[in-house]
Each structure stands twice: as C-alpha cells, then as structure tokens.
C-alpha atoms as a PDB file:
ATOM      1  CA  UNK A   1       0.000   0.000   0.000  1.00  0.00           C
ATOM      2  CA  UNK A   2       1.398   3.389  -0.967  1.00  0.00           C
ATOM      3  CA  UNK A   3       1.825   6.126   1.581  1.00  0.00           C
ATOM      4  CA  UNK A   4      -0.261   9.228   0.920  1.00  0.00           C
ATOM      5  CA  UNK A   5       0.779  12.726   1.888  1.00  0.00           C
ATOM      6  CA  UNK A   6      -0.963  14.585   4.721  1.00  0.00           C
ATOM      7  CA  UNK A   7      -2.378  17.019   2.149  1.00  0.00           C
ATOM      8  CA  UNK A   8      -3.900  14.177   0.117  1.00  0.00           C
ATOM      9  CA  UNK A   9      -5.315  12.635   3.283  1.00  0.00           C
ATOM     10  CA  UNK A  10      -6.971  15.960   4.202  1.00  0.00           C
ATOM     11  CA  UNK A  11      -8.441  16.240   0.693  1.00  0.00           C
ATOM     12  CA  UNK A  12      -9.840  12.707   0.923  1.00  0.00           C
ATOM     13  CA  UNK A  13     -11.215  13.395   4.399  1.00  0.00           C
ATOM     14  CA  UNK A  14     -12.941  16.535   3.130  1.00  0.00           C
ATOM     15  CA  UNK A  15     -14.372  14.672   0.122  1.00  0.00           C
ATOM     16  CA  UNK A  16     -15.755  11.932   2.364  1.00  0.00           C
ATOM     17  CA  UNK A  17     -17.237  14.507   4.737  1.00  0.00           C
ATOM     18  CA  UNK A  18     -18.874  16.465   1.912  1.00  0.00           C
ATOM     19  CA  UNK A  19     -20.412  13.326   0.431  1.00  0.00           C
ATOM     20  CA  UNK A  20     -22.212  12.569   3.713  1.00  0.00           C
ATOM     21  CA  UNK A  21     -25.736  13.549   4.583  1.00  0.00           C
ATOM     22  CA  UNK A  22     -26.121  16.821   6.497  1.00  0.00           C
ATOM     23  CA  UNK A  23     -27.315  14.900   9.531  1.00  0.00           C
ATOM     24  CA  UNK A  24     -24.185  12.725   9.596  1.00  0.00           C
ATOM     25  CA  UNK A  25     -22.009  15.827   9.059  1.00  0.00           C
ATOM     26  CA  UNK A  26     -23.625  17.464  12.096  1.00  0.00           C
ATOM     27  CA  UNK A  27     -22.883  14.367  14.146  1.00  0.00           C
ATOM     28  CA  UNK A  28     -19.196  14.514  13.183  1.00  0.00           C
ATOM     29  CA  UNK A  29     -18.992  18.273  13.785  1.00  0.00           C
ATOM     30  CA  UNK A  30     -20.507  17.811  17.241  1.00  0.00           C
ATOM     31  CA  UNK A  31     -17.771  15.321  18.147  1.00  0.00           C
ATOM     32  CA  UNK A  32     -15.064  17.329  16.381  1.00  0.00           C
ATOM     33  CA  UNK A  33     -14.015  17.248  12.750  1.00  0.00           C
ATOM     34  CA  UNK A  34     -10.300  17.276  13.620  1.00  0.00           C
ATOM     35  CA  UNK A  35     -10.632  14.171  15.830  1.00  0.00           C
ATOM     36  CA  UNK A  36     -12.711  12.290  13.241  1.00  0.00           C
ATOM     37  CA  UNK A  37     -10.681   9.742  11.301  1.00  0.00           C
ATOM     38  CA  UNK A  38     -12.495   8.093   8.383  1.00  0.00           C
ATOM     39  CA  UNK A  39      -9.363   6.024   7.667  1.00  0.00           C
ATOM     40  CA  UNK A  40      -9.207   4.114  10.959  1.00  0.00           C
ATOM     41  CA  UNK A  41      -8.060   0.532  10.826  1.00  0.00           C
ATOM     42  CA  UNK A  42     -10.750  -2.005  11.661  1.00  0.00           C
ATOM     43  CA  UNK A  43     -10.719  -3.191  15.245  1.00  0.00           C
ATOM     44  CA  UNK A  44      -9.507  -6.676  16.072  1.00  0.00           C
ATOM     45  CA  UNK A  45     -12.260  -9.203  16.703  1.00  0.00           C
ATOM     46  CA  UNK A  46     -12.862  -9.954  20.354  1.00  0.00           C
ATOM     47  CA  UNK A  47     -10.919 -12.826  21.775  1.00  0.00           C
ATOM     48  CA  UNK A  48     -12.672 -16.123  21.476  1.00  0.00           C
ATOM     49  CA  UNK A  49     -13.611 -17.078  25.001  1.00  0.00           C
ATOM     50  CA  UNK A  50     -12.310 -20.326  26.374  1.00  0.00           C
ATOM     51  CA  UNK A  51     -12.730 -22.131  29.666  1.00  0.00           C
ATOM     52  CA  UNK A  52      -9.998 -23.310  32.028  1.00  0.00           C
ATOM     53  CA  UNK A  53      -9.341 -26.307  29.762  1.00  0.00           C
ATOM     54  CA  UNK A  54      -8.750 -23.923  26.820  1.00  0.00           C
ATOM     55  CA  UNK A  55     -11.910 -25.101  25.021  1.00  0.00           C
ATOM     56  CA  UNK A  56     -14.516 -22.913  23.358  1.00  0.00           C
ATOM     57  CA  UNK A  57     -18.249 -23.261  23.935  1.00  0.00           C
ATOM     58  CA  UNK A  58     -18.580 -25.199  20.667  1.00  0.00           C
ATOM     59  CA  UNK A  59     -15.723 -27.548  21.559  1.00  0.00           C
ATOM     60  CA  UNK A  60     -17.228 -28.333  24.964  1.00  0.00           C
ATOM     61  CA  UNK A  61     -20.661 -28.800  23.431  1.00  0.00           C
ATOM     62  CA  UNK A  62     -19.426 -31.261  20.789  1.00  0.00           C
ATOM     63  CA  UNK A  63     -17.215 -33.179  23.219  1.00  0.00           C
ATOM     64  CA  UNK A  64     -20.061 -33.616  25.701  1.00  0.00           C
ATOM     65  CA  UNK A  65     -22.567 -34.789  23.111  1.00  0.00           C
ATOM     66  CA  UNK A  66     -20.036 -37.197  21.579  1.00  0.00           C
ATOM     67  CA  UNK A  67     -19.329 -38.626  25.037  1.00  0.00           C
ATOM     68  CA  UNK A  68     -23.020 -39.513  25.368  1.00  0.00           C
ATOM     69  CA  UNK A  69     -22.647 -42.156  22.639  1.00  0.00           C
ATOM     70  CA  UNK A  70     -25.852 -41.886  20.654  1.00  0.00           C
ATOM     71  CA  UNK A  71     -26.216 -39.087  18.180  1.00  0.00           C
ATOM     72  CA  UNK A  72     -29.871 -38.658  19.083  1.00  0.00           C
ATOM     73  CA  UNK A  73     -31.028 -35.965  21.479  1.00  0.00           C
ATOM     74  CA  UNK A  74     -33.872 -33.471  21.551  1.00  0.00           C
ATOM     75  CA  UNK A  75     -33.521 -29.833  20.607  1.00  0.00           C
ATOM     76  CA  UNK A  76     -34.287 -28.891  24.222  1.00  0.00           C
ATOM     77  CA  UNK A  77     -31.490 -31.163  25.479  1.00  0.00           C
ATOM     78  CA  UNK A  78     -28.975 -29.708  23.023  1.00  0.00           C
ATOM     79  CA  UNK A  79     -30.104 -26.183  23.824  1.00  0.00           C
ATOM     80  CA  UNK A  80     -29.643 -26.819  27.542  1.00  0.00           C
ATOM     81  CA  UNK A  81     -26.159 -28.232  27.012  1.00  0.00           C
ATOM     82  CA  UNK A  82     -25.159 -25.276  24.854  1.00  0.00           C
ATOM     83  CA  UNK A  83     -26.565 -22.791  27.371  1.00  0.00           C
ATOM     84  CA  UNK A  84     -24.634 -24.449  30.198  1.00  0.00           C
ATOM     85  CA  UNK A  85     -21.407 -24.381  28.154  1.00  0.00           C
ATOM     86  CA  UNK A  86     -21.880 -20.716  27.371  1.00  0.00           C
ATOM     87  CA  UNK A  87     -22.707 -19.832  30.989  1.00  0.00           C
ATOM     88  CA  UNK A  88     -19.729 -21.731  32.364  1.00  0.00           C
ATOM     89  CA  UNK A  89     -17.278 -20.162  29.916  1.00  0.00           C
ATOM     90  CA  UNK A  90     -18.599 -16.711  30.834  1.00  0.00           C
ATOM     91  CA  UNK A  91     -18.244 -17.626  34.526  1.00  0.00           C
ATOM     92  CA  UNK A  92     -21.898 -16.766  35.132  1.00  0.00           C
ATOM     93  CA  UNK A  93     -22.968 -17.451  38.737  1.00  0.00           C
ATOM     94  CA  UNK A  94     -26.346 -18.786  37.585  1.00  0.00           C
ATOM     95  CA  UNK A  95     -24.745 -21.612  35.612  1.00  0.00           C
ATOM     96  CA  UNK A  96     -22.073 -22.293  38.173  1.00  0.00           C
ATOM     97  CA  UNK A  97     -24.876 -22.738  40.734  1.00  0.00           C
ATOM     98  CA  UNK A  98     -26.749 -25.049  38.372  1.00  0.00           C
ATOM     99  CA  UNK A  99     -23.613 -27.104  37.808  1.00  0.00           C
ATOM    100  CA  UNK A 100     -22.771 -27.373  41.490  1.00  0.00           C
ATOM    101  CA  UNK A 101     -26.348 -28.318  42.336  1.00  0.00           C
ATOM    102  CA  UNK A 102     -26.340 -31.015  39.630  1.00  0.00           C
ATOM    103  CA  UNK A 103     -23.113 -32.528  40.971  1.00  0.00           C
ATOM    104  CA  UNK A 104     -24.447 -32.395  44.544  1.00  0.00           C
ATOM    105  CA  UNK A 105     -27.757 -33.971  43.520  1.00  0.00           C
ATOM    106  CA  UNK A 106     -26.001 -36.754  41.615  1.00  0.00           C
ATOM    107  CA  UNK A 107     -24.005 -37.564  44.763  1.00  0.00           C
ATOM    108  CA  UNK A 108     -27.179 -37.482  46.888  1.00  0.00           C
ATOM    109  CA  UNK A 109     -28.860 -39.990  44.557  1.00  0.00           C
ATOM    110  CA  UNK A 110     -25.821 -42.295  44.799  1.00  0.00           C
ATOM    111  CA  UNK A 111     -25.732 -42.038  48.595  1.00  0.00           C
ATOM    112  CA  UNK A 112     -29.412 -42.955  48.860  1.00  0.00           C
ATOM    113  CA  UNK A 113     -29.117 -45.860  46.393  1.00  0.00           C
ATOM    114  CA  UNK A 114     -31.253 -44.382  43.641  1.00  0.00           C
ATOM    115  CA  UNK A 115     -28.718 -45.121  40.907  1.00  0.00           C
END
C-alpha cells in the first residue's frame, strides 16, 4: 500500500465529509471534525472465550454430546447443554450454581441408592 501525503489525506477526508448527509455531518462536527478519522483501521475481533481447559463453547458442546454415545437428542437437550457451556465459559454465577447443584444432587442420589 502506498503512503499518501498529509495534504492528500486531508483532501480525501474533506471529500468523504462532503459526500455525507447533512445529519451525519452534524454528528461529526458535534464530536469534532479534527478528531474524526475516516481512515481508521478495523478493530480486532474480540478474543474467542475459552474455559480453564482452553476449550470454546462449541468444543465443549461437541465433546459432551459425543461422550453420550448416541447421536440422538432433543432440541431442548442440546439447547440446555449449549446454554450451560456458554454460561460456564462466561463464569456466570447462575450456571455455576446449576452445575454445582447437579453434581451435589447426583451424589445425593448415589448415597441414597437411587442409581
């Protein structure tokens, strides 16, 4: 990419500004024409969130469903699994509570001979 001179950049900036609607021009003027940069580089995408095992929501979701053996499950079941994965990766207290309760309840069932 060729480097453009500051004068050329100002001419391009002015041309872009003048081609905008009056309403958009007012918005830019309110914030400050000098601070406005129509040539900004795009921002980096947000980091893909991963859990403590360095897995994404999708990776956890697939691994769990594959561990269940059969490929058949209801939409509600899959939706619940995905929601739990998402909540755990985001460290949401609601899902952490649901997880801890599920583990506790599983142990209670074992202790009382229901499994």
